[in-house]
Amino acid sequence: MTTKDFELLPGSVVSYLRIYLENTKGYSKLTILEYASDLRIFFRYIVAKKADLSPSELPDDYNLSYIDLDFIKAITTNDIFYFLDYCNSELNNNKSTRARKISTLNGYFSYMSAKMRLIDVNPMDSIDAPKKKKALPKYLTLEQSIQLLNSVEGEHKERDYCILTIFLNCGLRVAELVALDISDINFDEETMVVTGKGDKERKIYLNKACMDAIMDYLKVRPNDRVKDRNALFISRLNKRMGRQAVQNMVYHYLEKIGLGGGGYSVHKLRHTAATLMYQHGDVDVLVLKEMLGHENLSTTEIYTHLLDKQLRDAAKSNPLSGESHNNGSK
């Protein structure tokens, strides 16, 4: 879904996305598109349910802009429950995805009821989000990270190596990396300005590995026929490299070192950077929070929990861990 598709959404949804989330709350474009997609799925379901149809029977470009305030006021808590069941049984959404959809609906209906006072009853008042399993982040070991960097080759090896180096040293999100401009890098200070969620900027200090990789890449970076001349990373089509292209590149090298299909991804490189800095670099968790651009410290503290788990596992792996005084007594 793109912003061009907003014209197919109900007017109140567009107002919520544009006026409230974008202009008032300052949400990033990516987050707004995720909210828009969730609300489009929801309203398509409600329309189909009222017509005794399956949402799949509606055209992909079905226009929802006709939905008015009376339609929204008629949405009940039961409709929400049925929608969540549809997400579970038909869309196979996991708990995390369903929780995000609930969060999206909570935000929209709170806006309609509490903020704008356009509806008297909020159908989300009785809805609880599913409890999400707090899983420890998956990450590459130091040895695997070095192996990944050493696997880079081919026509775009300088670019690919630079991207992987920045991921593994700076912990950027993929959206942050593809948005980088050459002007975001201060070569004198050896720093980089990154624009994160909510368009919040943060300064990241670049180590020697990052600076060397950037300089090596800029020597071969294409300059002719480039559509976005300030974009740092350029695709084979001579335009700013997109998220999917970066993801495909990372998957290629993960596959090459035997980590394909094992739950590893671009985002796992962000976890890897954080884990390596915390465990091997003795980086304080508050510093890590600022570097990763986390809004809440609780998000960053998962890396301290990861270390705790490793310490427990190490203790259990001792060959004497199963011995006790009772086991040795007769």
C-alpha atoms as a PDB file:
ATOM      1  CA  MET A   1       0.000   0.000   0.000  1.00  0.00           C
ATOM      2  CA  THR A   2       1.187   3.521  -0.814  1.00  0.00           C
ATOM      3  CA  THR A   3       0.003   7.020   0.072  1.00  0.00           C
ATOM      4  CA  LYS A   4      -1.650   7.153  -3.361  1.00  0.00           C
ATOM      5  CA  ASP A   5      -4.108   4.529  -2.106  1.00  0.00           C
ATOM      6  CA  PHE A   6      -5.317   6.828   0.689  1.00  0.00           C
ATOM      7  CA  GLU A   7      -8.001   8.155  -1.671  1.00  0.00           C
ATOM      8  CA  LEU A   8      -9.631   4.703  -1.438  1.00  0.00           C
ATOM      9  CA  LEU A   9      -9.908   4.918   2.383  1.00  0.00           C
ATOM     10  CA  PRO A  10     -12.742   6.415   4.462  1.00  0.00           C
ATOM     11  CA  GLY A  11     -12.371  10.149   5.005  1.00  0.00           C
ATOM     12  CA  SER A  12     -12.102   9.786   8.778  1.00  0.00           C
ATOM     13  CA  VAL A  13      -9.234   7.322   8.352  1.00  0.00           C
ATOM     14  CA  VAL A  14      -7.370   9.717   6.068  1.00  0.00           C
ATOM     15  CA  SER A  15      -7.857  12.520   8.609  1.00  0.00           C
ATOM     16  CA  TYR A  16      -6.571  10.255  11.365  1.00  0.00           C
ATOM     17  CA  LEU A  17      -3.491   9.310   9.341  1.00  0.00           C
ATOM     18  CA  ARG A  18      -2.701  12.727   7.864  1.00  0.00           C
ATOM     19  CA  ILE A  19      -3.805  15.252  10.448  1.00  0.00           C
ATOM     20  CA  TYR A  20      -3.329  13.347  13.683  1.00  0.00           C
ATOM     21  CA  LEU A  21      -0.559  10.766  13.166  1.00  0.00           C
ATOM     22  CA  GLU A  22       1.571  12.616  10.610  1.00  0.00           C
ATOM     23  CA  ASN A  23       1.144  16.283  11.473  1.00  0.00           C
ATOM     24  CA  THR A  24       0.295  16.161  15.186  1.00  0.00           C
ATOM     25  CA  LYS A  25       2.120  13.079  16.446  1.00  0.00           C
ATOM     26  CA  GLY A  26       4.948  13.190  13.922  1.00  0.00           C
ATOM     27  CA  TYR A  27       4.839   9.483  13.055  1.00  0.00           C
ATOM     28  CA  SER A  28       7.146   8.259  10.295  1.00  0.00           C
ATOM     29  CA  LYS A  29       5.761   7.535   6.833  1.00  0.00           C
ATOM     30  CA  LEU A  30       6.471   3.842   7.259  1.00  0.00           C
ATOM     31  CA  THR A  31       4.465   3.648  10.498  1.00  0.00           C
ATOM     32  CA  ILE A  32       1.573   5.571   8.920  1.00  0.00           C
ATOM     33  CA  LEU A  33       1.506   3.142   5.989  1.00  0.00           C
ATOM     34  CA  GLU A  34       1.335   0.216   8.446  1.00  0.00           C
ATOM     35  CA  TYR A  35      -1.638   1.852  10.212  1.00  0.00           C
ATOM     36  CA  ALA A  36      -3.283   2.546   6.850  1.00  0.00           C
ATOM     37  CA  SER A  37      -2.856  -1.078   5.769  1.00  0.00           C
ATOM     38  CA  ASP A  38      -4.353  -2.396   9.021  1.00  0.00           C
ATOM     39  CA  LEU A  39      -7.358  -0.069   8.781  1.00  0.00           C
ATOM     40  CA  ARG A  40      -7.892  -0.944   5.115  1.00  0.00           C
ATOM     41  CA  ILE A  41      -7.967  -4.658   6.003  1.00  0.00           C
ATOM     42  CA  PHE A  42     -10.378  -3.965   8.857  1.00  0.00           C
ATOM     43  CA  PHE A  43     -12.873  -1.899   6.855  1.00  0.00           C
ATOM     44  CA  ARG A  44     -12.762  -4.332   3.935  1.00  0.00           C
ATOM     45  CA  TYR A  45     -13.677  -7.068   6.416  1.00  0.00           C
ATOM     46  CA  ILE A  46     -16.579  -5.047   7.887  1.00  0.00           C
ATOM     47  CA  VAL A  47     -17.929  -4.188   4.415  1.00  0.00           C
ATOM     48  CA  ALA A  48     -17.704  -7.823   3.319  1.00  0.00           C
ATOM     49  CA  LYS A  49     -19.313  -9.069   6.559  1.00  0.00           C
ATOM     50  CA  LYS A  50     -22.301  -6.766   6.136  1.00  0.00           C
ATOM     51  CA  ALA A  51     -22.725  -8.009   2.561  1.00  0.00           C
ATOM     52  CA  ASP A  52     -22.315 -11.645   3.659  1.00  0.00           C
ATOM     53  CA  LEU A  53     -19.175 -11.965   1.550  1.00  0.00           C
ATOM     54  CA  SER A  54     -15.572 -12.943   2.091  1.00  0.00           C
ATOM     55  CA  PRO A  55     -13.108 -10.005   1.971  1.00  0.00           C
ATOM     56  CA  SER A  56     -11.293 -11.867  -0.807  1.00  0.00           C
ATOM     57  CA  GLU A  57     -14.403 -11.438  -2.974  1.00  0.00           C
ATOM     58  CA  LEU A  58     -13.948  -7.664  -2.963  1.00  0.00           C
ATOM     59  CA  PRO A  59     -11.749  -6.186  -5.712  1.00  0.00           C
ATOM     60  CA  ASP A  60      -8.207  -5.305  -4.646  1.00  0.00           C
ATOM     61  CA  ASP A  61      -8.888  -1.654  -5.475  1.00  0.00           C
ATOM     62  CA  TYR A  62     -12.275  -1.597  -3.718  1.00  0.00           C
ATOM     63  CA  ASN A  63     -13.112   2.010  -2.842  1.00  0.00           C
ATOM     64  CA  LEU A  64     -13.912   2.502   0.854  1.00  0.00           C
ATOM     65  CA  SER A  65     -14.196   6.292   0.671  1.00  0.00           C
ATOM     66  CA  TYR A  66     -18.000   6.122   0.767  1.00  0.00           C
ATOM     67  CA  ILE A  67     -17.920   4.909   4.396  1.00  0.00           C
ATOM     68  CA  ASP A  68     -19.453   7.648   6.520  1.00  0.00           C
ATOM     69  CA  LEU A  69     -19.943   8.386  10.211  1.00  0.00           C
ATOM     70  CA  ASP A  70     -23.180   6.360  10.449  1.00  0.00           C
ATOM     71  CA  PHE A  71     -21.348   3.292   9.128  1.00  0.00           C
ATOM     72  CA  ILE A  72     -18.596   3.723  11.735  1.00  0.00           C
ATOM     73  CA  LYS A  73     -21.078   4.294  14.576  1.00  0.00           C
ATOM     74  CA  ALA A  74     -22.704   0.954  13.715  1.00  0.00           C
ATOM     75  CA  ILE A  75     -19.459  -0.999  14.304  1.00  0.00           C
ATOM     76  CA  THR A  76     -19.766  -3.067  17.482  1.00  0.00           C
ATOM     77  CA  THR A  77     -17.407  -4.863  19.843  1.00  0.00           C
ATOM     78  CA  ASN A  78     -18.661  -8.135  18.369  1.00  0.00           C
ATOM     79  CA  ASP A  79     -17.539  -6.945  14.936  1.00  0.00           C
ATOM     80  CA  ILE A  80     -14.066  -6.427  16.384  1.00  0.00           C
ATOM     81  CA  PHE A  81     -14.042  -9.930  17.909  1.00  0.00           C
ATOM     82  CA  TYR A  82     -15.112 -11.463  14.584  1.00  0.00           C
ATOM     83  CA  PHE A  83     -12.422  -9.476  12.782  1.00  0.00           C
ATOM     84  CA  LEU A  84      -9.706 -10.713  15.145  1.00  0.00           C
ATOM     85  CA  ASP A  85     -10.944 -14.278  14.652  1.00  0.00           C
ATOM     86  CA  TYR A  86     -10.694 -13.698  10.888  1.00  0.00           C
ATOM     87  CA  CYS A  87      -7.111 -12.430  11.329  1.00  0.00           C
ATOM     88  CA  ASN A  88      -6.278 -15.577  13.272  1.00  0.00           C
ATOM     89  CA  SER A  89      -8.098 -18.247  11.260  1.00  0.00           C
ATOM     90  CA  GLU A  90      -8.035 -16.829   7.719  1.00  0.00           C
ATOM     91  CA  LEU A  91      -5.014 -14.528   7.603  1.00  0.00           C
ATOM     92  CA  ASN A  92      -2.950 -16.723   9.957  1.00  0.00           C
ATOM     93  CA  ASN A  93      -1.736 -13.657  11.833  1.00  0.00           C
ATOM     94  CA  ASN A  94       0.448 -14.475  14.824  1.00  0.00           C
ATOM     95  CA  LYS A  95      -0.038 -12.892  18.260  1.00  0.00           C
ATOM     96  CA  SER A  96       2.346 -10.079  17.491  1.00  0.00           C
ATOM     97  CA  THR A  97       0.560  -9.117  14.264  1.00  0.00           C
ATOM     98  CA  ARG A  98      -2.871  -9.332  15.902  1.00  0.00           C
ATOM     99  CA  ALA A  99      -1.606  -7.190  18.776  1.00  0.00           C
ATOM    100  CA  ARG A 100      -0.446  -4.571  16.285  1.00  0.00           C
ATOM    101  CA  LYS A 101      -3.846  -4.555  14.573  1.00  0.00           C
ATOM    102  CA  ILE A 102      -5.527  -4.105  17.951  1.00  0.00           C
ATOM    103  CA  SER A 103      -3.186  -1.213  18.689  1.00  0.00           C
ATOM    104  CA  THR A 104      -4.082   0.359  15.331  1.00  0.00           C
ATOM    105  CA  LEU A 105      -7.821   0.023  15.972  1.00  0.00           C
ATOM    106  CA  ASN A 106      -7.394   1.334  19.519  1.00  0.00           C
ATOM    107  CA  GLY A 107      -5.684   4.422  18.181  1.00  0.00           C
ATOM    108  CA  TYR A 108      -8.253   5.065  15.472  1.00  0.00           C
ATOM    109  CA  PHE A 109     -11.356   4.574  17.618  1.00  0.00           C
ATOM    110  CA  SER A 110      -9.856   6.587  20.492  1.00  0.00           C
ATOM    111  CA  TYR A 111      -9.277   9.373  17.992  1.00  0.00           C
ATOM    112  CA  MET A 112     -12.875   9.138  16.807  1.00  0.00           C
ATOM    113  CA  SER A 113     -14.374   8.997  20.310  1.00  0.00           C
ATOM    114  CA  ALA A 114     -12.112  10.775  22.797  1.00  0.00           C
ATOM    115  CA  LYS A 115     -10.242  13.201  20.536  1.00  0.00           C
ATOM    116  CA  MET A 116     -12.851  14.214  17.957  1.00  0.00           C
ATOM    117  CA  ARG A 117     -15.986  13.124  19.858  1.00  0.00           C
ATOM    118  CA  LEU A 118     -17.552  11.929  16.616  1.00  0.00           C
ATOM    119  CA  ILE A 119     -18.775   8.627  18.068  1.00  0.00           C
ATOM    120  CA  ASP A 120     -20.286   8.058  21.510  1.00  0.00           C
ATOM    121  CA  VAL A 121     -19.231   4.449  22.008  1.00  0.00           C
ATOM    122  CA  ASN A 122     -15.723   3.094  21.485  1.00  0.00           C
ATOM    123  CA  PRO A 123     -16.081  -0.550  20.346  1.00  0.00           C
ATOM    124  CA  MET A 124     -12.505  -1.234  21.466  1.00  0.00           C
ATOM    125  CA  ASP A 125     -13.163  -0.568  25.155  1.00  0.00           C
ATOM    126  CA  SER A 126     -13.609  -4.268  25.964  1.00  0.00           C
ATOM    127  CA  ILE A 127     -10.846  -5.599  23.704  1.00  0.00           C
ATOM    128  CA  ASP A 128      -7.593  -6.846  25.226  1.00  0.00           C
ATOM    129  CA  ALA A 129      -4.473  -7.365  23.146  1.00  0.00           C
ATOM    130  CA  PRO A 130      -3.065 -10.919  23.097  1.00  0.00           C
ATOM    131  CA  LYS A 131      -0.041 -11.350  25.330  1.00  0.00           C
ATOM    132  CA  LYS A 132       3.070 -11.418  23.214  1.00  0.00           C
ATOM    133  CA  LYS A 133       5.792 -13.897  23.998  1.00  0.00           C
ATOM    134  CA  LYS A 134       8.909 -12.031  25.074  1.00  0.00           C
ATOM    135  CA  ALA A 135      11.461 -13.856  22.974  1.00  0.00           C
ATOM    136  CA  LEU A 136      15.141 -13.088  23.201  1.00  0.00           C
ATOM    137  CA  PRO A 137      16.479 -11.562  19.981  1.00  0.00           C
ATOM    138  CA  LYS A 138      18.255 -13.804  17.520  1.00  0.00           C
ATOM    139  CA  TYR A 139      21.697 -12.628  16.476  1.00  0.00           C
ATOM    140  CA  LEU A 140      24.918 -13.652  14.755  1.00  0.00           C
ATOM    141  CA  THR A 141      27.949 -14.543  16.821  1.00  0.00           C
ATOM    142  CA  LEU A 142      31.156 -12.569  16.419  1.00  0.00           C
ATOM    143  CA  GLU A 143      32.594 -15.395  14.313  1.00  0.00           C
ATOM    144  CA  GLN A 144      29.488 -15.531  12.095  1.00  0.00           C
ATOM    145  CA  SER A 145      29.580 -11.753  11.652  1.00  0.00           C
ATOM    146  CA  ILE A 146      33.169 -11.890  10.447  1.00  0.00           C
ATOM    147  CA  GLN A 147      32.282 -14.797   8.170  1.00  0.00           C
ATOM    148  CA  LEU A 148      29.390 -12.771   6.703  1.00  0.00           C
ATOM    149  CA  LEU A 149      31.677  -9.828   5.928  1.00  0.00           C
ATOM    150  CA  ASN A 150      34.285 -12.113   4.399  1.00  0.00           C
ATOM    151  CA  SER A 151      31.664 -13.675   2.098  1.00  0.00           C
ATOM    152  CA  VAL A 152      31.092 -10.455   0.144  1.00  0.00           C
ATOM    153  CA  GLU A 153      32.123 -10.519  -3.495  1.00  0.00           C
ATOM    154  CA  GLY A 154      30.872  -9.604  -6.937  1.00  0.00           C
ATOM    155  CA  GLU A 155      30.199  -6.473  -8.974  1.00  0.00           C
ATOM    156  CA  HIS A 156      28.823  -4.492  -6.012  1.00  0.00           C
ATOM    157  CA  LYS A 157      31.171  -5.853  -3.354  1.00  0.00           C
ATOM    158  CA  GLU A 158      32.248  -2.423  -2.034  1.00  0.00           C
ATOM    159  CA  ARG A 159      28.638  -1.295  -1.649  1.00  0.00           C
ATOM    160  CA  ASP A 160      27.465  -4.568  -0.112  1.00  0.00           C
ATOM    161  CA  TYR A 161      30.419  -4.715   2.270  1.00  0.00           C
ATOM    162  CA  CYS A 162      29.746  -1.120   3.343  1.00  0.00           C
ATOM    163  CA  ILE A 163      26.077  -1.860   4.022  1.00  0.00           C
ATOM    164  CA  LEU A 164      26.837  -4.972   6.074  1.00  0.00           C
ATOM    165  CA  THR A 165      29.565  -3.116   7.996  1.00  0.00           C
ATOM    166  CA  ILE A 166      27.185  -0.299   8.915  1.00  0.00           C
ATOM    167  CA  PHE A 167      24.461  -2.761   9.959  1.00  0.00           C
ATOM    168  CA  LEU A 168      26.846  -4.770  12.138  1.00  0.00           C
ATOM    169  CA  ASN A 169      28.613  -1.774  13.696  1.00  0.00           C
ATOM    170  CA  CYS A 170      25.843   0.804  14.011  1.00  0.00           C
ATOM    171  CA  GLY A 171      22.663  -1.252  14.444  1.00  0.00           C
ATOM    172  CA  LEU A 172      20.582   0.716  11.933  1.00  0.00           C
ATOM    173  CA  ARG A 173      17.083  -0.256  10.887  1.00  0.00           C
ATOM    174  CA  VAL A 174      16.788  -1.044   7.183  1.00  0.00           C
ATOM    175  CA  ALA A 175      14.527   2.004   6.642  1.00  0.00           C
ATOM    176  CA  GLU A 176      17.180   4.187   8.268  1.00  0.00           C
ATOM    177  CA  LEU A 177      19.938   2.772   6.078  1.00  0.00           C
ATOM    178  CA  VAL A 178      18.166   3.233   2.731  1.00  0.00           C
ATOM    179  CA  ALA A 179      17.278   6.811   3.700  1.00  0.00           C
ATOM    180  CA  LEU A 180      20.939   7.768   4.226  1.00  0.00           C
ATOM    181  CA  ASP A 181      22.283  10.597   2.088  1.00  0.00           C
ATOM    182  CA  ILE A 182      25.936  11.382   1.471  1.00  0.00           C
ATOM    183  CA  SER A 183      25.307  14.705   3.219  1.00  0.00           C
ATOM    184  CA  ASP A 184      24.337  12.803   6.387  1.00  0.00           C
ATOM    185  CA  ILE A 185      27.984  11.832   6.850  1.00  0.00           C
ATOM    186  CA  ASN A 186      30.397  14.285   8.447  1.00  0.00           C
ATOM    187  CA  PHE A 187      33.783  13.104   7.249  1.00  0.00           C
ATOM    188  CA  ASP A 188      35.689  15.496   9.526  1.00  0.00           C
ATOM    189  CA  GLU A 189      33.873  14.425  12.694  1.00  0.00           C
ATOM    190  CA  GLU A 190      33.515  10.821  11.481  1.00  0.00           C
ATOM    191  CA  THR A 191      29.836  10.880  12.413  1.00  0.00           C
ATOM    192  CA  MET A 192      26.554  10.093  10.692  1.00  0.00           C
ATOM    193  CA  VAL A 193      23.106  11.623  11.220  1.00  0.00           C
ATOM    194  CA  VAL A 194      20.380   8.966  11.128  1.00  0.00           C
ATOM    195  CA  THR A 195      16.660   9.716  10.859  1.00  0.00           C
ATOM    196  CA  GLY A 196      14.730   7.142  12.869  1.00  0.00           C
ATOM    197  CA  LYS A 197      11.143   6.483  13.858  1.00  0.00           C
ATOM    198  CA  GLY A 198       9.005   9.593  14.175  1.00  0.00           C
ATOM    199  CA  ASP A 199      11.567  11.453  12.046  1.00  0.00           C
ATOM    200  CA  LYS A 200      13.810  11.766  15.123  1.00  0.00           C
ATOM    201  CA  GLU A 201      17.440  12.381  14.290  1.00  0.00           C
ATOM    202  CA  ARG A 202      20.375  10.901  16.181  1.00  0.00           C
ATOM    203  CA  LYS A 203      24.116  11.199  15.702  1.00  0.00           C
ATOM    204  CA  ILE A 204      26.175   8.033  15.404  1.00  0.00           C
ATOM    205  CA  TYR A 205      29.944   8.031  15.686  1.00  0.00           C
ATOM    206  CA  LEU A 206      31.588   5.928  12.996  1.00  0.00           C
ATOM    207  CA  ASN A 207      34.482   3.631  13.856  1.00  0.00           C
ATOM    208  CA  LYS A 208      37.434   2.932  11.570  1.00  0.00           C
ATOM    209  CA  ALA A 209      35.745  -0.089   9.952  1.00  0.00           C
ATOM    210  CA  CYS A 210      32.741   2.012   8.955  1.00  0.00           C
ATOM    211  CA  MET A 211      34.800   4.959   7.714  1.00  0.00           C
ATOM    212  CA  ASP A 212      37.084   2.710   5.668  1.00  0.00           C
ATOM    213  CA  ALA A 213      34.104   0.868   4.163  1.00  0.00           C
ATOM    214  CA  ILE A 214      32.339   4.130   3.281  1.00  0.00           C
ATOM    215  CA  MET A 215      35.449   5.623   1.682  1.00  0.00           C
ATOM    216  CA  ASP A 216      36.125   2.458  -0.336  1.00  0.00           C
ATOM    217  CA  TYR A 217      32.520   2.419  -1.561  1.00  0.00           C
ATOM    218  CA  LEU A 218      32.452   6.106  -2.512  1.00  0.00           C
ATOM    219  CA  LYS A 219      35.470   5.531  -4.771  1.00  0.00           C
ATOM    220  CA  VAL A 220      33.351   3.232  -6.958  1.00  0.00           C
ATOM    221  CA  ARG A 221      29.872   4.631  -6.295  1.00  0.00           C
ATOM    222  CA  PRO A 222      28.197   5.464  -9.646  1.00  0.00           C
ATOM    223  CA  ASN A 223      27.812   9.188 -10.283  1.00  0.00           C
ATOM    224  CA  ASP A 224      26.553   9.294 -13.861  1.00  0.00           C
ATOM    225  CA  ARG A 225      22.847   8.896 -14.560  1.00  0.00           C
ATOM    226  CA  VAL A 226      22.060   8.593 -10.839  1.00  0.00           C
ATOM    227  CA  LYS A 227      18.464   9.727 -10.258  1.00  0.00           C
ATOM    228  CA  ASP A 228      18.970  10.689  -6.590  1.00  0.00           C
ATOM    229  CA  ARG A 229      22.467  12.169  -6.592  1.00  0.00           C
ATOM    230  CA  ASN A 230      22.608  12.575  -2.795  1.00  0.00           C
ATOM    231  CA  ALA A 231      21.511   9.013  -1.963  1.00  0.00           C
ATOM    232  CA  LEU A 232      24.336   7.100  -0.328  1.00  0.00           C
ATOM    233  CA  PHE A 233      23.496   3.623  -1.567  1.00  0.00           C
ATOM    234  CA  ILE A 234      22.715   3.248  -5.267  1.00  0.00           C
ATOM    235  CA  SER A 235      21.019   0.246  -6.860  1.00  0.00           C
ATOM    236  CA  ARG A 236      21.942  -1.396 -10.161  1.00  0.00           C
ATOM    237  CA  LEU A 237      19.144   0.723 -11.691  1.00  0.00           C
ATOM    238  CA  ASN A 238      21.058   3.889 -10.746  1.00  0.00           C
ATOM    239  CA  LYS A 239      18.560   5.044  -8.150  1.00  0.00           C
ATOM    240  CA  ARG A 240      18.349   5.020  -4.343  1.00  0.00           C
ATOM    241  CA  MET A 241      18.544   1.461  -3.105  1.00  0.00           C
ATOM    242  CA  GLY A 242      15.208   0.288  -1.656  1.00  0.00           C
ATOM    243  CA  ARG A 243      14.373  -1.805   1.377  1.00  0.00           C
ATOM    244  CA  GLN A 244      13.631  -4.942  -0.634  1.00  0.00           C
ATOM    245  CA  ALA A 245      16.894  -4.725  -2.541  1.00  0.00           C
ATOM    246  CA  VAL A 246      18.843  -4.442   0.714  1.00  0.00           C
ATOM    247  CA  GLN A 247      16.922  -7.330   2.242  1.00  0.00           C
ATOM    248  CA  ASN A 248      17.545  -9.531  -0.799  1.00  0.00           C
ATOM    249  CA  MET A 249      21.246  -8.711  -0.685  1.00  0.00           C
ATOM    250  CA  VAL A 250      21.510  -9.601   3.006  1.00  0.00           C
ATOM    251  CA  TYR A 251      19.581 -12.853   2.508  1.00  0.00           C
ATOM    252  CA  HIS A 252      21.978 -13.753  -0.320  1.00  0.00           C
ATOM    253  CA  TYR A 253      25.042 -13.487   1.903  1.00  0.00           C
ATOM    254  CA  LEU A 254      23.337 -15.184   4.858  1.00  0.00           C
ATOM    255  CA  GLU A 255      22.493 -18.081   2.549  1.00  0.00           C
ATOM    256  CA  LYS A 256      26.081 -18.130   1.359  1.00  0.00           C
ATOM    257  CA  ILE A 257      27.433 -18.751   4.885  1.00  0.00           C
ATOM    258  CA  GLY A 258      24.788 -21.342   5.700  1.00  0.00           C
ATOM    259  CA  LEU A 259      22.386 -19.152   7.678  1.00  0.00           C
ATOM    260  CA  GLY A 260      19.598 -18.963   5.109  1.00  0.00           C
ATOM    261  CA  GLY A 261      16.129 -19.939   6.281  1.00  0.00           C
ATOM    262  CA  GLY A 262      17.202 -20.059   9.919  1.00  0.00           C
ATOM    263  CA  GLY A 263      15.214 -17.078  11.103  1.00  0.00           C
ATOM    264  CA  TYR A 264      18.029 -14.644  10.294  1.00  0.00           C
ATOM    265  CA  SER A 265      17.189 -11.396   8.552  1.00  0.00           C
ATOM    266  CA  VAL A 266      18.251  -7.783   8.082  1.00  0.00           C
ATOM    267  CA  HIS A 267      16.729  -6.883  11.452  1.00  0.00           C
ATOM    268  CA  LYS A 268      18.793  -9.633  13.085  1.00  0.00           C
ATOM    269  CA  LEU A 269      21.901  -7.704  12.047  1.00  0.00           C
ATOM    270  CA  ARG A 270      20.608  -4.836  14.198  1.00  0.00           C
ATOM    271  CA  HIS A 271      20.276  -7.292  17.092  1.00  0.00           C
ATOM    272  CA  THR A 272      23.777  -8.526  16.324  1.00  0.00           C
ATOM    273  CA  ALA A 273      25.269  -5.030  16.528  1.00  0.00           C
ATOM    274  CA  ALA A 274      23.558  -4.372  19.855  1.00  0.00           C
ATOM    275  CA  THR A 275      24.574  -7.743  21.286  1.00  0.00           C
ATOM    276  CA  LEU A 276      28.211  -7.443  20.219  1.00  0.00           C
ATOM    277  CA  MET A 277      28.482  -3.932  21.632  1.00  0.00           C
ATOM    278  CA  TYR A 278      26.886  -4.914  24.936  1.00  0.00           C
ATOM    279  CA  GLN A 279      28.665  -8.227  25.463  1.00  0.00           C
ATOM    280  CA  HIS A 280      32.062  -7.632  23.878  1.00  0.00           C
ATOM    281  CA  GLY A 281      32.356  -3.855  23.935  1.00  0.00           C
ATOM    282  CA  ASP A 282      31.225  -3.236  27.523  1.00  0.00           C
ATOM    283  CA  VAL A 283      28.782  -0.575  26.266  1.00  0.00           C
ATOM    284  CA  ASP A 284      26.430   0.826  28.902  1.00  0.00           C
ATOM    285  CA  VAL A 285      22.767   0.065  28.251  1.00  0.00           C
ATOM    286  CA  LEU A 286      21.854   3.786  28.327  1.00  0.00           C
ATOM    287  CA  VAL A 287      24.444   4.512  25.637  1.00  0.00           C
ATOM    288  CA  LEU A 288      23.132   1.563  23.635  1.00  0.00           C
ATOM    289  CA  LYS A 289      19.606   2.959  23.901  1.00  0.00           C
ATOM    290  CA  GLU A 290      20.676   6.251  22.353  1.00  0.00           C
ATOM    291  CA  MET A 291      22.702   4.590  19.623  1.00  0.00           C
ATOM    292  CA  LEU A 292      19.836   2.294  18.581  1.00  0.00           C
ATOM    293  CA  GLY A 293      17.257   5.062  18.746  1.00  0.00           C
ATOM    294  CA  HIS A 294      15.012   3.254  21.223  1.00  0.00           C
ATOM    295  CA  GLU A 295      12.309   5.395  22.774  1.00  0.00           C
ATOM    296  CA  ASN A 296      12.083   3.313  25.954  1.00  0.00           C
ATOM    297  CA  LEU A 297      14.889   1.789  27.983  1.00  0.00           C
ATOM    298  CA  SER A 298      12.818  -1.387  28.432  1.00  0.00           C
ATOM    299  CA  THR A 299      13.301  -2.110  24.717  1.00  0.00           C
ATOM    300  CA  THR A 300      17.076  -1.966  25.067  1.00  0.00           C
ATOM    301  CA  GLU A 301      17.142  -3.988  28.290  1.00  0.00           C
ATOM    302  CA  ILE A 302      16.311  -7.163  26.360  1.00  0.00           C
ATOM    303  CA  TYR A 303      20.039  -7.378  25.586  1.00  0.00           C
ATOM    304  CA  THR A 304      20.872  -7.462  29.298  1.00  0.00           C
ATOM    305  CA  HIS A 305      18.335 -10.276  29.722  1.00  0.00           C
ATOM    306  CA  LEU A 306      20.027 -12.096  26.872  1.00  0.00           C
ATOM    307  CA  LEU A 307      23.331 -12.000  28.742  1.00  0.00           C
ATOM    308  CA  ASP A 308      21.612 -13.271  31.910  1.00  0.00           C
ATOM    309  CA  LYS A 309      20.268 -16.241  29.950  1.00  0.00           C
ATOM    310  CA  GLN A 310      23.710 -16.998  28.577  1.00  0.00           C
ATOM    311  CA  LEU A 311      25.183 -16.929  32.079  1.00  0.00           C
ATOM    312  CA  ARG A 312      22.514 -19.355  33.308  1.00  0.00           C
ATOM    313  CA  ASP A 313      23.100 -21.647  30.331  1.00  0.00           C
ATOM    314  CA  ALA A 314      26.852 -21.542  30.944  1.00  0.00           C
ATOM    315  CA  ALA A 315      26.350 -22.607  34.551  1.00  0.00           C
ATOM    316  CA  LYS A 316      24.096 -25.466  33.490  1.00  0.00           C
ATOM    317  CA  SER A 317      26.608 -26.629  30.870  1.00  0.00           C
ATOM    318  CA  ASN A 318      29.242 -27.354  33.513  1.00  0.00           C
ATOM    319  CA  PRO A 319      29.766 -31.166  33.541  1.00  0.00           C
ATOM    320  CA  LEU A 320      29.363 -31.143  37.331  1.00  0.00           C
ATOM    321  CA  SER A 321      26.007 -29.341  37.194  1.00  0.00           C
ATOM    322  CA  GLY A 322      24.083 -32.597  37.632  1.00  0.00           C
ATOM    323  CA  GLU A 323      26.078 -33.795  40.611  1.00  0.00           C
ATOM    324  CA  SER A 324      24.886 -33.351  44.167  1.00  0.00           C
ATOM    325  CA  HIS A 325      25.700 -34.694  47.612  1.00  0.00           C
ATOM    326  CA  ASN A 326      22.658 -36.999  47.441  1.00  0.00           C
ATOM    327  CA  ASN A 327      23.741 -38.412  44.072  1.00  0.00           C
ATOM    328  CA  GLY A 328      27.089 -39.444  45.499  1.00  0.00           C
ATOM    329  CA  SER A 329      25.782 -40.896  48.753  1.00  0.00           C
ATOM    330  CA  LYS A 330      24.953 -44.515  49.299  1.00  0.00           C
END
